[in-house]
Amino acid sequence: MAVCEEIRQSVDVDVPAEVANREWTWFCFASLYTRPLGAEPDETEAELGQGFVRLESIDEDTTRVTVDLNYCAQFEVITDSEEIEKVRQHLLKTLARYKTFVETTRSVRASAAV
């Protein structure tokens, strides 16, 4: 039986909660379907859909996005702390990409509206 690890990471984004929510859906879709051709996911890479996402409005223009990820080895017991750390680092990088994505998308849309 595989051992599972609960991993929680957060990022604050400079957009309102409703924008963060809408763009999270687009970001997940893009992350799943825009992988370069022939690229295989790393064996420690967890998909965004394998977790729970919580959006907390900090103020009217800032949202905290928290991901609780349940990472389980498929067939092996996770005993290597390096493997868990790779998953944590992957989630941090993913949230950093999301922050750039959502804040850039908002800027582009705001410029287009002017």
PDB file of N, CA and C in Angstrom:
ATOM      1  N   MET A   1       0.842  -1.184   0.000  1.00  0.00           N
ATOM      2  CA  MET A   1       0.000   0.000   0.000  1.00  0.00           C
ATOM      3  C   MET A   1       0.883   1.242   0.000  1.00  0.00           C
ATOM      4  N   ALA A   2       0.534   2.197  -0.846  1.00  0.00           N
ATOM      5  CA  ALA A   2       1.321   3.417  -0.971  1.00  0.00           C
ATOM      6  C   ALA A   2       1.085   4.339   0.220  1.00  0.00           C
ATOM      7  N   VAL A   3       2.136   5.001   0.605  1.00  0.00           N
ATOM      8  CA  VAL A   3       2.046   6.014   1.645  1.00  0.00           C
ATOM      9  C   VAL A   3       1.789   7.344   0.958  1.00  0.00           C
ATOM     10  N   CYS A   4       0.899   8.137   1.522  1.00  0.00           N
ATOM     11  CA  CYS A   4       0.566   9.437   0.938  1.00  0.00           C
ATOM     12  C   CYS A   4       1.123  10.560   1.808  1.00  0.00           C
ATOM     13  N   GLU A   5       1.409  11.665   1.149  1.00  0.00           N
ATOM     14  CA  GLU A   5       1.926  12.844   1.840  1.00  0.00           C
ATOM     15  C   GLU A   5       1.006  14.018   1.518  1.00  0.00           C
ATOM     16  N   GLU A   6       0.611  14.766   2.548  1.00  0.00           N
ATOM     17  CA  GLU A   6      -0.182  15.971   2.331  1.00  0.00           C
ATOM     18  C   GLU A   6       0.776  17.154   2.233  1.00  0.00           C
ATOM     19  N   ILE A   7       0.641  17.906   1.145  1.00  0.00           N
ATOM     20  CA  ILE A   7       1.512  19.047   0.900  1.00  0.00           C
ATOM     21  C   ILE A   7       0.628  20.270   0.728  1.00  0.00           C
ATOM     22  N   ARG A   8       0.950  21.349   1.421  1.00  0.00           N
ATOM     23  CA  ARG A   8       0.183  22.604   1.320  1.00  0.00           C
ATOM     24  C   ARG A   8       1.139  23.734   0.958  1.00  0.00           C
ATOM     25  N   GLN A   9       0.784  24.470  -0.101  1.00  0.00           N
ATOM     26  CA  GLN A   9       1.547  25.632  -0.528  1.00  0.00           C
ATOM     27  C   GLN A   9       0.569  26.747  -0.865  1.00  0.00           C
ATOM     28  N   SER A  10       0.997  27.990  -0.665  1.00  0.00           N
ATOM     29  CA  SER A  10       0.153  29.149  -0.968  1.00  0.00           C
ATOM     30  C   SER A  10       0.934  30.181  -1.756  1.00  0.00           C
ATOM     31  N   VAL A  11       0.178  31.001  -2.484  1.00  0.00           N
ATOM     32  CA  VAL A  11       0.743  32.149  -3.179  1.00  0.00           C
ATOM     33  C   VAL A  11      -0.293  33.265  -3.137  1.00  0.00           C
ATOM     34  N   ASP A  12       0.166  34.500  -2.947  1.00  0.00           N
ATOM     35  CA  ASP A  12      -0.718  35.661  -3.007  1.00  0.00           C
ATOM     36  C   ASP A  12      -0.628  36.254  -4.405  1.00  0.00           C
ATOM     37  N   VAL A  13      -1.786  36.477  -5.022  1.00  0.00           N
ATOM     38  CA  VAL A  13      -1.832  37.062  -6.358  1.00  0.00           C
ATOM     39  C   VAL A  13      -2.536  38.408  -6.280  1.00  0.00           C
ATOM     40  N   ASP A  14      -2.096  39.316  -7.116  1.00  0.00           N
ATOM     41  CA  ASP A  14      -2.632  40.681  -7.093  1.00  0.00           C
ATOM     42  C   ASP A  14      -3.821  40.824  -8.022  1.00  0.00           C
ATOM     43  N   VAL A  15      -4.845  40.017  -7.758  1.00  0.00           N
ATOM     44  CA  VAL A  15      -6.110  40.090  -8.487  1.00  0.00           C
ATOM     45  C   VAL A  15      -7.233  39.773  -7.505  1.00  0.00           C
ATOM     46  N   PRO A  16      -8.457  40.244  -7.791  1.00  0.00           N
ATOM     47  CA  PRO A  16      -9.597  39.886  -6.932  1.00  0.00           C
ATOM     48  C   PRO A  16      -9.881  38.383  -6.993  1.00  0.00           C
ATOM     49  N   ALA A  17     -10.568  37.877  -5.989  1.00  0.00           N
ATOM     50  CA  ALA A  17     -10.850  36.443  -5.891  1.00  0.00           C
ATOM     51  C   ALA A  17     -11.601  35.906  -7.106  1.00  0.00           C
ATOM     52  N   GLU A  18     -12.582  36.673  -7.643  1.00  0.00           N
ATOM     53  CA  GLU A  18     -13.333  36.170  -8.794  1.00  0.00           C
ATOM     54  C   GLU A  18     -12.441  36.021 -10.026  1.00  0.00           C
ATOM     55  N   VAL A  19     -11.463  36.904 -10.185  1.00  0.00           N
ATOM     56  CA  VAL A  19     -10.505  36.780 -11.295  1.00  0.00           C
ATOM     57  C   VAL A  19      -9.593  35.582 -11.049  1.00  0.00           C
ATOM     58  N   ALA A  20      -9.095  35.440  -9.833  1.00  0.00           N
ATOM     59  CA  ALA A  20      -8.216  34.318  -9.489  1.00  0.00           C
ATOM     60  C   ALA A  20      -8.916  32.991  -9.746  1.00  0.00           C
ATOM     61  N   ASN A  21     -10.190  32.896  -9.397  1.00  0.00           N
ATOM     62  CA  ASN A  21     -10.957  31.671  -9.601  1.00  0.00           C
ATOM     63  C   ASN A  21     -11.109  31.363 -11.088  1.00  0.00           C
ATOM     64  N   ARG A  22     -11.529  32.359 -11.871  1.00  0.00           N
ATOM     65  CA  ARG A  22     -11.735  32.156 -13.305  1.00  0.00           C
ATOM     66  C   ARG A  22     -10.425  31.769 -13.986  1.00  0.00           C
ATOM     67  N   GLU A  23      -9.351  32.462 -13.662  1.00  0.00           N
ATOM     68  CA  GLU A  23      -8.075  32.204 -14.316  1.00  0.00           C
ATOM     69  C   GLU A  23      -7.435  30.893 -13.865  1.00  0.00           C
ATOM     70  N   TRP A  24      -7.754  30.434 -12.645  1.00  0.00           N
ATOM     71  CA  TRP A  24      -7.242  29.136 -12.181  1.00  0.00           C
ATOM     72  C   TRP A  24      -7.728  28.032 -13.112  1.00  0.00           C
ATOM     73  N   THR A  25      -9.001  28.114 -13.513  1.00  0.00           N
ATOM     74  CA  THR A  25      -9.558  27.114 -14.426  1.00  0.00           C
ATOM     75  C   THR A  25      -8.787  27.113 -15.748  1.00  0.00           C
ATOM     76  N   TRP A  26      -8.532  28.299 -16.296  1.00  0.00           N
ATOM     77  CA  TRP A  26      -7.776  28.390 -17.553  1.00  0.00           C
ATOM     78  C   TRP A  26      -6.352  27.902 -17.374  1.00  0.00           C
ATOM     79  N   PHE A  27      -5.742  28.233 -16.251  1.00  0.00           N
ATOM     80  CA  PHE A  27      -4.367  27.827 -15.989  1.00  0.00           C
ATOM     81  C   PHE A  27      -4.267  26.303 -15.901  1.00  0.00           C
ATOM     82  N   CYS A  28      -5.205  25.676 -15.208  1.00  0.00           N
ATOM     83  CA  CYS A  28      -5.192  24.210 -15.102  1.00  0.00           C
ATOM     84  C   CYS A  28      -5.348  23.577 -16.473  1.00  0.00           C
ATOM     85  N   PHE A  29      -6.273  24.109 -17.265  1.00  0.00           N
ATOM     86  CA  PHE A  29      -6.498  23.594 -18.612  1.00  0.00           C
ATOM     87  C   PHE A  29      -5.220  23.729 -19.433  1.00  0.00           C
ATOM     88  N   ALA A  30      -4.614  24.906 -19.404  1.00  0.00           N
ATOM     89  CA  ALA A  30      -3.392  25.143 -20.176  1.00  0.00           C
ATOM     90  C   ALA A  30      -2.260  24.236 -19.694  1.00  0.00           C
ATOM     91  N   SER A  31      -2.158  24.028 -18.400  1.00  0.00           N
ATOM     92  CA  SER A  31      -1.098  23.182 -17.852  1.00  0.00           C
ATOM     93  C   SER A  31      -1.250  21.733 -18.291  1.00  0.00           C
ATOM     94  N   LEU A  32      -2.475  21.285 -18.409  1.00  0.00           N
ATOM     95  CA  LEU A  32      -2.724  19.896 -18.797  1.00  0.00           C
ATOM     96  C   LEU A  32      -2.548  19.664 -20.289  1.00  0.00           C
ATOM     97  N   TYR A  33      -2.896  20.648 -21.105  1.00  0.00           N
ATOM     98  CA  TYR A  33      -2.971  20.412 -22.538  1.00  0.00           C
ATOM     99  C   TYR A  33      -1.946  21.139 -23.376  1.00  0.00           C
ATOM    100  N   THR A  34      -1.048  21.889 -22.774  1.00  0.00           N
ATOM    101  CA  THR A  34      -0.051  22.585 -23.573  1.00  0.00           C
ATOM    102  C   THR A  34       1.366  22.113 -23.274  1.00  0.00           C
ATOM    103  N   ARG A  35       1.494  20.894 -22.823  1.00  0.00           N
ATOM    104  CA  ARG A  35       2.815  20.313 -22.599  1.00  0.00           C
ATOM    105  C   ARG A  35       3.489  20.135 -23.965  1.00  0.00           C
ATOM    106  N   PRO A  36       4.771  20.457 -24.081  1.00  0.00           N
ATOM    107  CA  PRO A  36       5.445  20.293 -25.377  1.00  0.00           C
ATOM    108  C   PRO A  36       5.307  18.862 -25.901  1.00  0.00           C
ATOM    109  N   LEU A  37       5.171  18.732 -27.207  1.00  0.00           N
ATOM    110  CA  LEU A  37       5.027  17.412 -27.812  1.00  0.00           C
ATOM    111  C   LEU A  37       6.187  16.516 -27.426  1.00  0.00           C
ATOM    112  N   GLY A  38       5.880  15.297 -27.070  1.00  0.00           N
ATOM    113  CA  GLY A  38       6.905  14.334 -26.700  1.00  0.00           C
ATOM    114  C   GLY A  38       7.381  14.449 -25.266  1.00  0.00           C
ATOM    115  N   ALA A  39       6.989  15.501 -24.552  1.00  0.00           N
ATOM    116  CA  ALA A  39       7.431  15.673 -23.163  1.00  0.00           C
ATOM    117  C   ALA A  39       6.570  14.819 -22.257  1.00  0.00           C
ATOM    118  N   GLU A  40       7.199  14.037 -21.459  1.00  0.00           N
ATOM    119  CA  GLU A  40       6.504  13.205 -20.489  1.00  0.00           C
ATOM    120  C   GLU A  40       6.612  13.856 -19.122  1.00  0.00           C
ATOM    121  N   PRO A  41       5.552  13.776 -18.305  1.00  0.00           N
ATOM    122  CA  PRO A  41       5.659  14.352 -16.959  1.00  0.00           C
ATOM    123  C   PRO A  41       6.699  13.612 -16.126  1.00  0.00           C
ATOM    124  N   ASP A  42       7.355  14.338 -15.257  1.00  0.00           N
ATOM    125  CA  ASP A  42       8.289  13.750 -14.317  1.00  0.00           C
ATOM    126  C   ASP A  42       7.509  12.787 -13.425  1.00  0.00           C
ATOM    127  N   GLU A  43       8.129  11.712 -13.000  1.00  0.00           N
ATOM    128  CA  GLU A  43       7.412  10.729 -12.179  1.00  0.00           C
ATOM    129  C   GLU A  43       6.956  11.288 -10.837  1.00  0.00           C
ATOM    130  N   THR A  44       7.564  12.377 -10.376  1.00  0.00           N
ATOM    131  CA  THR A  44       7.135  12.980  -9.114  1.00  0.00           C
ATOM    132  C   THR A  44       6.216  14.168  -9.341  1.00  0.00           C
ATOM    133  N   GLU A  45       5.837  14.415 -10.592  1.00  0.00           N
ATOM    134  CA  GLU A  45       4.980  15.552 -10.903  1.00  0.00           C
ATOM    135  C   GLU A  45       3.530  15.191 -10.606  1.00  0.00           C
ATOM    136  N   ALA A  46       2.900  15.954  -9.782  1.00  0.00           N
ATOM    137  CA  ALA A  46       1.503  15.725  -9.453  1.00  0.00           C
ATOM    138  C   ALA A  46       0.643  16.674 -10.278  1.00  0.00           C
ATOM    139  N   GLU A  47      -0.466  16.191 -10.757  1.00  0.00           N
ATOM    140  CA  GLU A  47      -1.379  17.028 -11.524  1.00  0.00           C
ATOM    141  C   GLU A  47      -2.152  17.939 -10.586  1.00  0.00           C
ATOM    142  N   LEU A  48      -2.531  19.114 -11.082  1.00  0.00           N
ATOM    143  CA  LEU A  48      -3.252  20.075 -10.256  1.00  0.00           C
ATOM    144  C   LEU A  48      -4.589  19.521  -9.783  1.00  0.00           C
ATOM    145  N   GLY A  49      -5.194  18.647 -10.570  1.00  0.00           N
ATOM    146  CA  GLY A  49      -6.492  18.094 -10.217  1.00  0.00           C
ATOM    147  C   GLY A  49      -6.448  17.115  -9.053  1.00  0.00           C
ATOM    148  N   GLN A  50      -5.259  16.780  -8.566  1.00  0.00           N
ATOM    149  CA  GLN A  50      -5.138  15.827  -7.475  1.00  0.00           C
ATOM    150  C   GLN A  50      -5.113  16.523  -6.115  1.00  0.00           C
ATOM    151  N   GLY A  51      -5.592  17.741  -6.082  1.00  0.00           N
ATOM    152  CA  GLY A  51      -5.564  18.488  -4.833  1.00  0.00           C
ATOM    153  C   GLY A  51      -6.813  19.313  -4.651  1.00  0.00           C
ATOM    154  N   PHE A  52      -6.803  20.075  -3.592  1.00  0.00           N
ATOM    155  CA  PHE A  52      -7.915  20.949  -3.246  1.00  0.00           C
ATOM    156  C   PHE A  52      -7.385  22.371  -3.268  1.00  0.00           C
ATOM    157  N   VAL A  53      -8.084  23.263  -3.958  1.00  0.00           N
ATOM    158  CA  VAL A  53      -7.659  24.656  -4.074  1.00  0.00           C
ATOM    159  C   VAL A  53      -8.615  25.533  -3.277  1.00  0.00           C
ATOM    160  N   ARG A  54      -8.032  26.422  -2.460  1.00  0.00           N
ATOM    161  CA  ARG A  54      -8.834  27.355  -1.672  1.00  0.00           C
ATOM    162  C   ARG A  54      -8.404  28.772  -2.030  1.00  0.00           C
ATOM    163  N   LEU A  55      -9.386  29.632  -2.288  1.00  0.00           N
ATOM    164  CA  LEU A  55      -9.124  31.034  -2.599  1.00  0.00           C
ATOM    165  C   LEU A  55      -9.627  31.879  -1.441  1.00  0.00           C
ATOM    166  N   GLU A  56      -8.750  32.710  -0.885  1.00  0.00           N
ATOM    167  CA  GLU A  56      -9.120  33.589   0.220  1.00  0.00           C
ATOM    168  C   GLU A  56      -8.866  35.030  -0.195  1.00  0.00           C
ATOM    169  N   SER A  57      -9.883  35.849  -0.123  1.00  0.00           N
ATOM    170  CA  SER A  57      -9.736  37.254  -0.452  1.00  0.00           C
ATOM    171  C   SER A  57      -9.025  37.945   0.708  1.00  0.00           C
ATOM    172  N   ILE A  58      -7.858  38.528   0.433  1.00  0.00           N
ATOM    173  CA  ILE A  58      -7.101  39.254   1.455  1.00  0.00           C
ATOM    174  C   ILE A  58      -7.604  40.691   1.515  1.00  0.00           C
ATOM    175  N   ASP A  59      -7.787  41.284   0.335  1.00  0.00           N
ATOM    176  CA  ASP A  59      -8.458  42.567   0.196  1.00  0.00           C
ATOM    177  C   ASP A  59      -9.097  42.557  -1.185  1.00  0.00           C
ATOM    178  N   GLU A  60      -9.648  43.677  -1.633  1.00  0.00           N
ATOM    179  CA  GLU A  60     -10.409  43.623  -2.888  1.00  0.00           C
ATOM    180  C   GLU A  60      -9.542  43.361  -4.116  1.00  0.00           C
ATOM    181  N   ASP A  61      -8.228  43.532  -4.019  1.00  0.00           N
ATOM    182  CA  ASP A  61      -7.344  43.305  -5.154  1.00  0.00           C
ATOM    183  C   ASP A  61      -6.286  42.234  -4.920  1.00  0.00           C
ATOM    184  N   THR A  62      -6.377  41.479  -3.832  1.00  0.00           N
ATOM    185  CA  THR A  62      -5.382  40.456  -3.529  1.00  0.00           C
ATOM    186  C   THR A  62      -6.081  39.191  -3.047  1.00  0.00           C
ATOM    187  N   THR A  63      -5.618  38.060  -3.574  1.00  0.00           N
ATOM    188  CA  THR A  63      -6.202  36.763  -3.216  1.00  0.00           C
ATOM    189  C   THR A  63      -5.089  35.797  -2.845  1.00  0.00           C
ATOM    190  N   ARG A  64      -5.282  35.046  -1.783  1.00  0.00           N
ATOM    191  CA  ARG A  64      -4.357  33.966  -1.422  1.00  0.00           C
ATOM    192  C   ARG A  64      -4.912  32.667  -2.011  1.00  0.00           C
ATOM    193  N   VAL A  65      -4.087  32.016  -2.808  1.00  0.00           N
ATOM    194  CA  VAL A  65      -4.444  30.740  -3.421  1.00  0.00           C
ATOM    195  C   VAL A  65      -3.656  29.665  -2.689  1.00  0.00           C
ATOM    196  N   THR A  66      -4.368  28.745  -2.058  1.00  0.00           N
ATOM    197  CA  THR A  66      -3.732  27.662  -1.308  1.00  0.00           C
ATOM    198  C   THR A  66      -4.105  26.334  -1.938  1.00  0.00           C
ATOM    199  N   VAL A  67      -3.094  25.506  -2.186  1.00  0.00           N
ATOM    200  CA  VAL A  67      -3.318  24.182  -2.749  1.00  0.00           C
ATOM    201  C   VAL A  67      -2.931  23.151  -1.699  1.00  0.00           C
ATOM    202  N   ASP A  68      -3.877  22.284  -1.368  1.00  0.00           N
ATOM    203  CA  ASP A  68      -3.610  21.119  -0.528  1.00  0.00           C
ATOM    204  C   ASP A  68      -3.523  19.938  -1.479  1.00  0.00           C
ATOM    205  N   LEU A  69      -2.344  19.369  -1.588  1.00  0.00           N
ATOM    206  CA  LEU A  69      -2.078  18.305  -2.544  1.00  0.00           C
ATOM    207  C   LEU A  69      -1.853  17.004  -1.797  1.00  0.00           C
ATOM    208  N   ASN A  70      -2.554  15.974  -2.198  1.00  0.00           N
ATOM    209  CA  ASN A  70      -2.337  14.638  -1.642  1.00  0.00           C
ATOM    210  C   ASN A  70      -1.509  13.865  -2.650  1.00  0.00           C
ATOM    211  N   TYR A  71      -0.251  13.650  -2.330  1.00  0.00           N
ATOM    212  CA  TYR A  71       0.658  12.962  -3.243  1.00  0.00           C
ATOM    213  C   TYR A  71       0.879  11.547  -2.750  1.00  0.00           C
ATOM    214  N   CYS A  72       0.586  10.598  -3.611  1.00  0.00           N
ATOM    215  CA  CYS A  72       0.781   9.187  -3.274  1.00  0.00           C
ATOM    216  C   CYS A  72       1.635   8.527  -4.344  1.00  0.00           C
ATOM    217  N   ALA A  73       2.572   7.731  -3.927  1.00  0.00           N
ATOM    218  CA  ALA A  73       3.318   6.936  -4.883  1.00  0.00           C
ATOM    219  C   ALA A  73       2.348   5.921  -5.483  1.00  0.00           C
ATOM    220  N   GLN A  74       2.525   5.624  -6.754  1.00  0.00           N
ATOM    221  CA  GLN A  74       1.587   4.715  -7.401  1.00  0.00           C
ATOM    222  C   GLN A  74       1.741   3.282  -6.902  1.00  0.00           C
ATOM    223  N   PHE A  75       2.977   2.794  -6.848  1.00  0.00           N
ATOM    224  CA  PHE A  75       3.165   1.397  -6.488  1.00  0.00           C
ATOM    225  C   PHE A  75       4.192   1.179  -5.392  1.00  0.00           C
ATOM    226  N   GLU A  76       4.862   2.256  -5.001  1.00  0.00           N
ATOM    227  CA  GLU A  76       5.923   2.115  -4.014  1.00  0.00           C
ATOM    228  C   GLU A  76       5.608   2.964  -2.786  1.00  0.00           C
ATOM    229  N   VAL A  77       6.143   2.553  -1.679  1.00  0.00           N
ATOM    230  CA  VAL A  77       6.003   3.341  -0.458  1.00  0.00           C
ATOM    231  C   VAL A  77       6.989   4.505  -0.539  1.00  0.00           C
ATOM    232  N   ILE A  78       6.504   5.697  -0.250  1.00  0.00           N
ATOM    233  CA  ILE A  78       7.385   6.868  -0.275  1.00  0.00           C
ATOM    234  C   ILE A  78       8.194   6.879   1.017  1.00  0.00           C
ATOM    235  N   THR A  79       9.466   6.630   0.893  1.00  0.00           N
ATOM    236  CA  THR A  79      10.342   6.708   2.058  1.00  0.00           C
ATOM    237  C   THR A  79      11.448   7.715   1.830  1.00  0.00           C
ATOM    238  N   ASP A  80      11.603   8.161   0.593  1.00  0.00           N
ATOM    239  CA  ASP A  80      12.682   9.058   0.241  1.00  0.00           C
ATOM    240  C   ASP A  80      12.226  10.503   0.391  1.00  0.00           C
ATOM    241  N   SER A  81      12.811  11.220   1.340  1.00  0.00           N
ATOM    242  CA  SER A  81      12.419  12.609   1.568  1.00  0.00           C
ATOM    243  C   SER A  81      12.733  13.484   0.364  1.00  0.00           C
ATOM    244  N   GLU A  82      13.710  13.097  -0.459  1.00  0.00           N
ATOM    245  CA  GLU A  82      14.021  13.855  -1.673  1.00  0.00           C
ATOM    246  C   GLU A  82      12.851  13.814  -2.661  1.00  0.00           C
ATOM    247  N   GLU A  83      12.166  12.691  -2.751  1.00  0.00           N
ATOM    248  CA  GLU A  83      11.021  12.581  -3.657  1.00  0.00           C
ATOM    249  C   GLU A  83       9.908  13.532  -3.221  1.00  0.00           C
ATOM    250  N   ILE A  84       9.625  13.561  -1.932  1.00  0.00           N
ATOM    251  CA  ILE A  84       8.599  14.468  -1.406  1.00  0.00           C
ATOM    252  C   ILE A  84       9.016  15.917  -1.646  1.00  0.00           C
ATOM    253  N   GLU A  85      10.292  16.220  -1.439  1.00  0.00           N
ATOM    254  CA  GLU A  85      10.773  17.587  -1.657  1.00  0.00           C
ATOM    255  C   GLU A  85      10.646  17.984  -3.119  1.00  0.00           C
ATOM    256  N   LYS A  86      10.867  17.063  -4.050  1.00  0.00           N
ATOM    257  CA  LYS A  86      10.689  17.358  -5.480  1.00  0.00           C
ATOM    258  C   LYS A  86       9.244  17.741  -5.766  1.00  0.00           C
ATOM    259  N   VAL A  87       8.303  17.048  -5.151  1.00  0.00           N
ATOM    260  CA  VAL A  87       6.889  17.362  -5.353  1.00  0.00           C
ATOM    261  C   VAL A  87       6.575  18.735  -4.766  1.00  0.00           C
ATOM    262  N   ARG A  88       7.087  19.024  -3.574  1.00  0.00           N
ATOM    263  CA  ARG A  88       6.884  20.354  -2.968  1.00  0.00           C
ATOM    264  C   ARG A  88       7.436  21.455  -3.874  1.00  0.00           C
ATOM    265  N   GLN A  89       8.646  21.249  -4.388  1.00  0.00           N
ATOM    266  CA  GLN A  89       9.266  22.242  -5.260  1.00  0.00           C
ATOM    267  C   GLN A  89       8.478  22.396  -6.569  1.00  0.00           C
ATOM    268  N   HIS A  90       7.980  21.289  -7.086  1.00  0.00           N
ATOM    269  CA  HIS A  90       7.165  21.353  -8.300  1.00  0.00           C
ATOM    270  C   HIS A  90       5.901  22.176  -8.046  1.00  0.00           C
ATOM    271  N   LEU A  91       5.268  21.979  -6.901  1.00  0.00           N
ATOM    272  CA  LEU A  91       4.056  22.741  -6.573  1.00  0.00           C
ATOM    273  C   LEU A  91       4.390  24.228  -6.408  1.00  0.00           C
ATOM    274  N   LEU A  92       5.506  24.545  -5.758  1.00  0.00           N
ATOM    275  CA  LEU A  92       5.924  25.951  -5.629  1.00  0.00           C
ATOM    276  C   LEU A  92       6.140  26.592  -6.996  1.00  0.00           C
ATOM    277  N   LYS A  93       6.804  25.877  -7.898  1.00  0.00           N
ATOM    278  CA  LYS A  93       7.040  26.403  -9.249  1.00  0.00           C
ATOM    279  C   LYS A  93       5.723  26.581  -9.998  1.00  0.00           C
ATOM    280  N   THR A  94       4.809  25.641  -9.825  1.00  0.00           N
ATOM    281  CA  THR A  94       3.514  25.734 -10.485  1.00  0.00           C
ATOM    282  C   THR A  94       2.744  26.955  -9.985  1.00  0.00           C
ATOM    283  N   LEU A  95       2.756  27.191  -8.677  1.00  0.00           N
ATOM    284  CA  LEU A  95       2.065  28.362  -8.139  1.00  0.00           C
ATOM    285  C   LEU A  95       2.740  29.661  -8.583  1.00  0.00           C
ATOM    286  N   ALA A  96       4.051  29.655  -8.722  1.00  0.00           N
ATOM    287  CA  ALA A  96       4.754  30.846  -9.231  1.00  0.00           C
ATOM    288  C   ALA A  96       4.354  31.103 -10.680  1.00  0.00           C
ATOM    289  N   ARG A  97       4.236  30.034 -11.493  1.00  0.00           N
ATOM    290  CA  ARG A  97       3.779  30.189 -12.881  1.00  0.00           C
ATOM    291  C   ARG A  97       2.351  30.713 -12.915  1.00  0.00           C
ATOM    292  N   TYR A  98       1.504  30.219 -12.009  1.00  0.00           N
ATOM    293  CA  TYR A  98       0.119  30.698 -11.944  1.00  0.00           C
ATOM    294  C   TYR A  98       0.087  32.193 -11.615  1.00  0.00           C
ATOM    295  N   LYS A  99       0.894  32.616 -10.635  1.00  0.00           N
ATOM    296  CA  LYS A  99       0.930  34.030 -10.245  1.00  0.00           C
ATOM    297  C   LYS A  99       1.294  34.890 -11.454  1.00  0.00           C
ATOM    298  N   THR A 100       2.327  34.507 -12.185  1.00  0.00           N
ATOM    299  CA  THR A 100       2.715  35.240 -13.385  1.00  0.00           C
ATOM    300  C   THR A 100       1.590  35.226 -14.406  1.00  0.00           C
ATOM    301  N   PHE A 101       0.998  34.057 -14.620  1.00  0.00           N
ATOM    302  CA  PHE A 101      -0.095  33.902 -15.589  1.00  0.00           C
ATOM    303  C   PHE A 101      -1.268  34.812 -15.253  1.00  0.00           C
ATOM    304  N   VAL A 102      -1.760  34.759 -14.029  1.00  0.00           N
ATOM    305  CA  VAL A 102      -2.970  35.498 -13.671  1.00  0.00           C
ATOM    306  C   VAL A 102      -2.716  37.003 -13.641  1.00  0.00           C
ATOM    307  N   GLU A 103      -1.563  37.413 -13.151  1.00  0.00           N
ATOM    308  CA  GLU A 103      -1.277  38.848 -13.087  1.00  0.00           C
ATOM    309  C   GLU A 103      -0.989  39.418 -14.480  1.00  0.00           C
ATOM    310  N   THR A 104      -0.336  38.659 -15.338  1.00  0.00           N
ATOM    311  CA  THR A 104      -0.082  39.097 -16.713  1.00  0.00           C
ATOM    312  C   THR A 104      -1.374  39.129 -17.512  1.00  0.00           C
ATOM    313  N   THR A 105      -2.192  38.108 -17.367  1.00  0.00           N
ATOM    314  CA  THR A 105      -3.472  38.045 -18.077  1.00  0.00           C
ATOM    315  C   THR A 105      -4.337  39.232 -17.701  1.00  0.00           C
ATOM    316  N   ARG A 106      -4.356  39.577 -16.426  1.00  0.00           N
ATOM    317  CA  ARG A 106      -5.161  40.716 -15.981  1.00  0.00           C
ATOM    318  C   ARG A 106      -4.640  42.011 -16.598  1.00  0.00           C
ATOM    319  N   SER A 107      -3.318  42.179 -16.643  1.00  0.00           N
ATOM    320  CA  SER A 107      -2.729  43.385 -17.221  1.00  0.00           C
ATOM    321  C   SER A 107      -3.053  43.485 -18.709  1.00  0.00           C
ATOM    322  N   VAL A 108      -2.956  42.376 -19.420  1.00  0.00           N
ATOM    323  CA  VAL A 108      -3.220  42.373 -20.858  1.00  0.00           C
ATOM    324  C   VAL A 108      -4.683  42.712 -21.113  1.00  0.00           C
ATOM    325  N   ARG A 109      -5.578  42.106 -20.342  1.00  0.00           N
ATOM    326  CA  ARG A 109      -7.006  42.367 -20.521  1.00  0.00           C
ATOM    327  C   ARG A 109      -7.368  43.818 -20.164  1.00  0.00           C
ATOM    328  N   ALA A 110      -6.728  44.345 -19.136  1.00  0.00           N
ATOM    329  CA  ALA A 110      -6.992  45.738 -18.746  1.00  0.00           C
ATOM    330  C   ALA A 110      -6.510  46.693 -19.840  1.00  0.00           C
ATOM    331  N   SER A 111      -5.350  46.407 -20.429  1.00  0.00           N
ATOM    332  CA  SER A 111      -4.826  47.245 -21.507  1.00  0.00           C
ATOM    333  C   SER A 111      -5.724  47.184 -22.729  1.00  0.00           C
ATOM    334  N   ALA A 112      -6.254  46.010 -23.046  1.00  0.00           N
ATOM    335  CA  ALA A 112      -7.102  45.827 -24.216  1.00  0.00           C
ATOM    336  C   ALA A 112      -8.438  46.565 -24.040  1.00  0.00           C
ATOM    337  N   ALA A 113      -8.882  46.704 -22.800  1.00  0.00           N
ATOM    338  CA  ALA A 113     -10.164  47.353 -22.532  1.00  0.00           C
ATOM    339  C   ALA A 113     -10.075  48.869 -22.658  1.00  0.00           C
ATOM    340  N   VAL A 114      -8.873  49.426 -22.586  1.00  0.00           N
ATOM    341  CA  VAL A 114      -8.702  50.873 -22.635  1.00  0.00           C
ATOM    342  C   VAL A 114      -8.788  51.399 -24.041  1.00  0.00           C
TER     343      VAL A 114
END
